[in-house]
Amino acid sequence: LRTVLDGSVACITALAALRSADGTLEDFIYTAVNRAAEQLEGLPAAQMLGRRISQLFPGVVTQGLYTRYVAVLESGQPQRFEFYYDADDFCGWIDMSVVKQDDGLILTYLDIT
């Protein structure tokens, strides 16, 4: 499976919901990152895995992506959209698919600038 993921030209990341003791969603934690995502994000997987998305990439919150992620997690309805991202040392257009997986998300995205 790792070979398949790393062979993809699309960025693929898996996020797990980080919840408080009462079950409230606090953030998302990286649980898997493919090679394309490492290249686009500019960080090796070892620096992303186990870390909060809002800490590594605060633009996810300020650019409105976090709200979309929560909507997919809560509804179970996948979303696909294009958006302009201008934060976290990246500026360009992204085509993204967000799908719920257990109590987390699978993100598949491409730089389409």
C-alpha atoms as a PDB file:
ATOM      1  CA  LEU A   1       0.000   0.000   0.000  1.00  0.00           C
ATOM      2  CA  ARG A   2       2.847   2.400   0.817  1.00  0.00           C
ATOM      3  CA  THR A   3       4.255   1.930  -2.703  1.00  0.00           C
ATOM      4  CA  VAL A   4       0.853   2.737  -4.231  1.00  0.00           C
ATOM      5  CA  LEU A   5       0.452   5.868  -2.094  1.00  0.00           C
ATOM      6  CA  ASP A   6       3.961   7.107  -2.772  1.00  0.00           C
ATOM      7  CA  GLY A   7       3.557   6.408  -6.497  1.00  0.00           C
ATOM      8  CA  SER A   8       0.570   8.739  -6.738  1.00  0.00           C
ATOM      9  CA  VAL A   9       1.036  12.200  -8.248  1.00  0.00           C
ATOM     10  CA  ALA A  10      -1.792  13.372  -5.965  1.00  0.00           C
ATOM     11  CA  CYS A  11      -1.094  14.396  -2.390  1.00  0.00           C
ATOM     12  CA  ILE A  12      -2.781  11.999   0.026  1.00  0.00           C
ATOM     13  CA  THR A  13      -2.973  12.548   3.764  1.00  0.00           C
ATOM     14  CA  ALA A  14      -4.932  10.864   6.528  1.00  0.00           C
ATOM     15  CA  LEU A  15      -6.091  12.845   9.541  1.00  0.00           C
ATOM     16  CA  ALA A  16      -7.518  11.519  12.801  1.00  0.00           C
ATOM     17  CA  ALA A  17      -9.905  13.571  14.893  1.00  0.00           C
ATOM     18  CA  LEU A  18      -8.334  14.797  18.121  1.00  0.00           C
ATOM     19  CA  ARG A  19     -11.067  14.876  20.752  1.00  0.00           C
ATOM     20  CA  SER A  20     -11.240  16.064  24.350  1.00  0.00           C
ATOM     21  CA  ALA A  21     -12.334  13.746  27.167  1.00  0.00           C
ATOM     22  CA  ASP A  22     -15.962  14.766  26.576  1.00  0.00           C
ATOM     23  CA  GLY A  23     -15.727  13.972  22.850  1.00  0.00           C
ATOM     24  CA  THR A  24     -15.488  17.546  21.570  1.00  0.00           C
ATOM     25  CA  LEU A  25     -13.411  17.907  18.405  1.00  0.00           C
ATOM     26  CA  GLU A  26     -10.261  19.891  19.173  1.00  0.00           C
ATOM     27  CA  ASP A  27      -8.197  19.444  16.015  1.00  0.00           C
ATOM     28  CA  PHE A  28      -6.965  16.891  13.492  1.00  0.00           C
ATOM     29  CA  ILE A  29      -3.730  14.894  13.766  1.00  0.00           C
ATOM     30  CA  TYR A  30      -1.699  13.638  10.791  1.00  0.00           C
ATOM     31  CA  THR A  31      -1.635   9.834  10.685  1.00  0.00           C
ATOM     32  CA  ALA A  32      -0.351   9.230   7.139  1.00  0.00           C
ATOM     33  CA  VAL A  33       1.295  11.330   4.437  1.00  0.00           C
ATOM     34  CA  ASN A  34       2.418  10.257   0.983  1.00  0.00           C
ATOM     35  CA  ARG A  35       5.506  11.460  -0.856  1.00  0.00           C
ATOM     36  CA  ALA A  36       3.600  13.969  -3.037  1.00  0.00           C
ATOM     37  CA  ALA A  37       2.154  15.579   0.112  1.00  0.00           C
ATOM     38  CA  GLU A  38       5.618  15.810   1.663  1.00  0.00           C
ATOM     39  CA  GLN A  39       6.842  17.632  -1.422  1.00  0.00           C
ATOM     40  CA  LEU A  40       3.921  20.062  -1.640  1.00  0.00           C
ATOM     41  CA  GLU A  41       3.866  20.756   2.103  1.00  0.00           C
ATOM     42  CA  GLY A  42       7.650  21.135   2.222  1.00  0.00           C
ATOM     43  CA  LEU A  43       8.017  18.831   5.240  1.00  0.00           C
ATOM     44  CA  PRO A  44       9.027  15.200   5.621  1.00  0.00           C
ATOM     45  CA  ALA A  45       6.337  12.872   6.962  1.00  0.00           C
ATOM     46  CA  ALA A  46       8.322  12.425  10.179  1.00  0.00           C
ATOM     47  CA  GLN A  47       7.746  16.108  10.981  1.00  0.00           C
ATOM     48  CA  MET A  48       3.981  15.895  10.276  1.00  0.00           C
ATOM     49  CA  LEU A  49       2.883  12.549  11.727  1.00  0.00           C
ATOM     50  CA  GLY A  50       1.260  12.862  15.131  1.00  0.00           C
ATOM     51  CA  ARG A  51       1.118  16.661  14.929  1.00  0.00           C
ATOM     52  CA  ARG A  52      -1.922  18.937  14.880  1.00  0.00           C
ATOM     53  CA  ILE A  53      -2.844  20.338  11.490  1.00  0.00           C
ATOM     54  CA  SER A  54      -3.653  23.757  12.985  1.00  0.00           C
ATOM     55  CA  GLN A  55      -0.155  24.010  14.479  1.00  0.00           C
ATOM     56  CA  LEU A  56       1.714  22.942  11.359  1.00  0.00           C
ATOM     57  CA  PHE A  57      -0.475  24.829   8.905  1.00  0.00           C
ATOM     58  CA  PRO A  58      -2.474  27.615  10.602  1.00  0.00           C
ATOM     59  CA  GLY A  59      -3.699  28.690   7.175  1.00  0.00           C
ATOM     60  CA  VAL A  60      -6.003  25.666   7.193  1.00  0.00           C
ATOM     61  CA  VAL A  61      -8.023  27.507   9.848  1.00  0.00           C
ATOM     62  CA  THR A  62      -7.690  31.068   8.503  1.00  0.00           C
ATOM     63  CA  GLN A  63      -8.423  30.023   4.907  1.00  0.00           C
ATOM     64  CA  GLY A  64     -11.648  28.203   5.902  1.00  0.00           C
ATOM     65  CA  LEU A  65     -10.542  24.632   5.203  1.00  0.00           C
ATOM     66  CA  TYR A  66     -10.907  23.526   8.820  1.00  0.00           C
ATOM     67  CA  THR A  67     -14.643  24.326   8.694  1.00  0.00           C
ATOM     68  CA  ARG A  68     -15.018  22.153   5.594  1.00  0.00           C
ATOM     69  CA  TYR A  69     -13.125  19.308   7.262  1.00  0.00           C
ATOM     70  CA  VAL A  70     -15.422  19.440  10.291  1.00  0.00           C
ATOM     71  CA  ALA A  71     -18.489  19.427   8.018  1.00  0.00           C
ATOM     72  CA  VAL A  72     -17.299  16.254   6.284  1.00  0.00           C
ATOM     73  CA  LEU A  73     -16.428  14.577   9.584  1.00  0.00           C
ATOM     74  CA  GLU A  74     -19.823  15.394  11.105  1.00  0.00           C
ATOM     75  CA  SER A  75     -22.023  14.711   8.061  1.00  0.00           C
ATOM     76  CA  GLY A  76     -20.115  11.866   6.447  1.00  0.00           C
ATOM     77  CA  GLN A  77     -20.737  13.566   3.102  1.00  0.00           C
ATOM     78  CA  PRO A  78     -17.592  13.871   0.964  1.00  0.00           C
ATOM     79  CA  GLN A  79     -16.666  17.214  -0.565  1.00  0.00           C
ATOM     80  CA  ARG A  80     -14.660  18.113  -3.643  1.00  0.00           C
ATOM     81  CA  PHE A  81     -13.725  21.693  -4.361  1.00  0.00           C
ATOM     82  CA  GLU A  82     -11.117  24.023  -5.816  1.00  0.00           C
ATOM     83  CA  PHE A  83      -9.756  26.889  -3.757  1.00  0.00           C
ATOM     84  CA  TYR A  84      -7.026  29.481  -3.689  1.00  0.00           C
ATOM     85  CA  TYR A  85      -4.631  28.971  -0.767  1.00  0.00           C
ATOM     86  CA  ASP A  86      -2.398  31.837   0.285  1.00  0.00           C
ATOM     87  CA  ALA A  87      -0.789  30.914   3.610  1.00  0.00           C
ATOM     88  CA  ASP A  88       1.935  28.800   5.176  1.00  0.00           C
ATOM     89  CA  ASP A  89       4.523  29.602   2.484  1.00  0.00           C
ATOM     90  CA  PHE A  90       2.221  28.427  -0.336  1.00  0.00           C
ATOM     91  CA  CYS A  91       0.279  30.482  -2.822  1.00  0.00           C
ATOM     92  CA  GLY A  92      -1.774  28.729  -5.498  1.00  0.00           C
ATOM     93  CA  TRP A  93      -4.879  26.848  -6.564  1.00  0.00           C
ATOM     94  CA  ILE A  94      -5.682  23.448  -5.071  1.00  0.00           C
ATOM     95  CA  ASP A  95      -8.192  20.800  -6.191  1.00  0.00           C
ATOM     96  CA  MET A  96      -9.192  18.860  -3.070  1.00  0.00           C
ATOM     97  CA  SER A  97     -11.310  15.864  -2.149  1.00  0.00           C
ATOM     98  CA  VAL A  98     -12.213  15.284   1.520  1.00  0.00           C
ATOM     99  CA  VAL A  99     -13.715  11.946   2.585  1.00  0.00           C
ATOM    100  CA  LYS A 100     -14.632  10.683   6.052  1.00  0.00           C
ATOM    101  CA  GLN A 101     -12.731   7.578   7.225  1.00  0.00           C
ATOM    102  CA  ASP A 102     -13.716   6.235  10.660  1.00  0.00           C
ATOM    103  CA  ASP A 103     -13.226   9.186  13.062  1.00  0.00           C
ATOM    104  CA  GLY A 104     -10.991  11.050  10.661  1.00  0.00           C
ATOM    105  CA  LEU A 105     -10.508  12.187   7.092  1.00  0.00           C
ATOM    106  CA  ILE A 106      -8.664  11.258   3.924  1.00  0.00           C
ATOM    107  CA  LEU A 107      -7.535  14.288   1.921  1.00  0.00           C
ATOM    108  CA  THR A 108      -6.549  13.956  -1.716  1.00  0.00           C
ATOM    109  CA  TYR A 109      -5.331  17.121  -3.380  1.00  0.00           C
ATOM    110  CA  LEU A 110      -3.377  18.549  -6.289  1.00  0.00           C
ATOM    111  CA  ASP A 111      -1.670  21.853  -6.971  1.00  0.00           C
ATOM    112  CA  ILE A 112      -3.515  23.028 -10.119  1.00  0.00           C
ATOM    113  CA  THR A 113      -1.942  26.463 -10.290  1.00  0.00           C
END
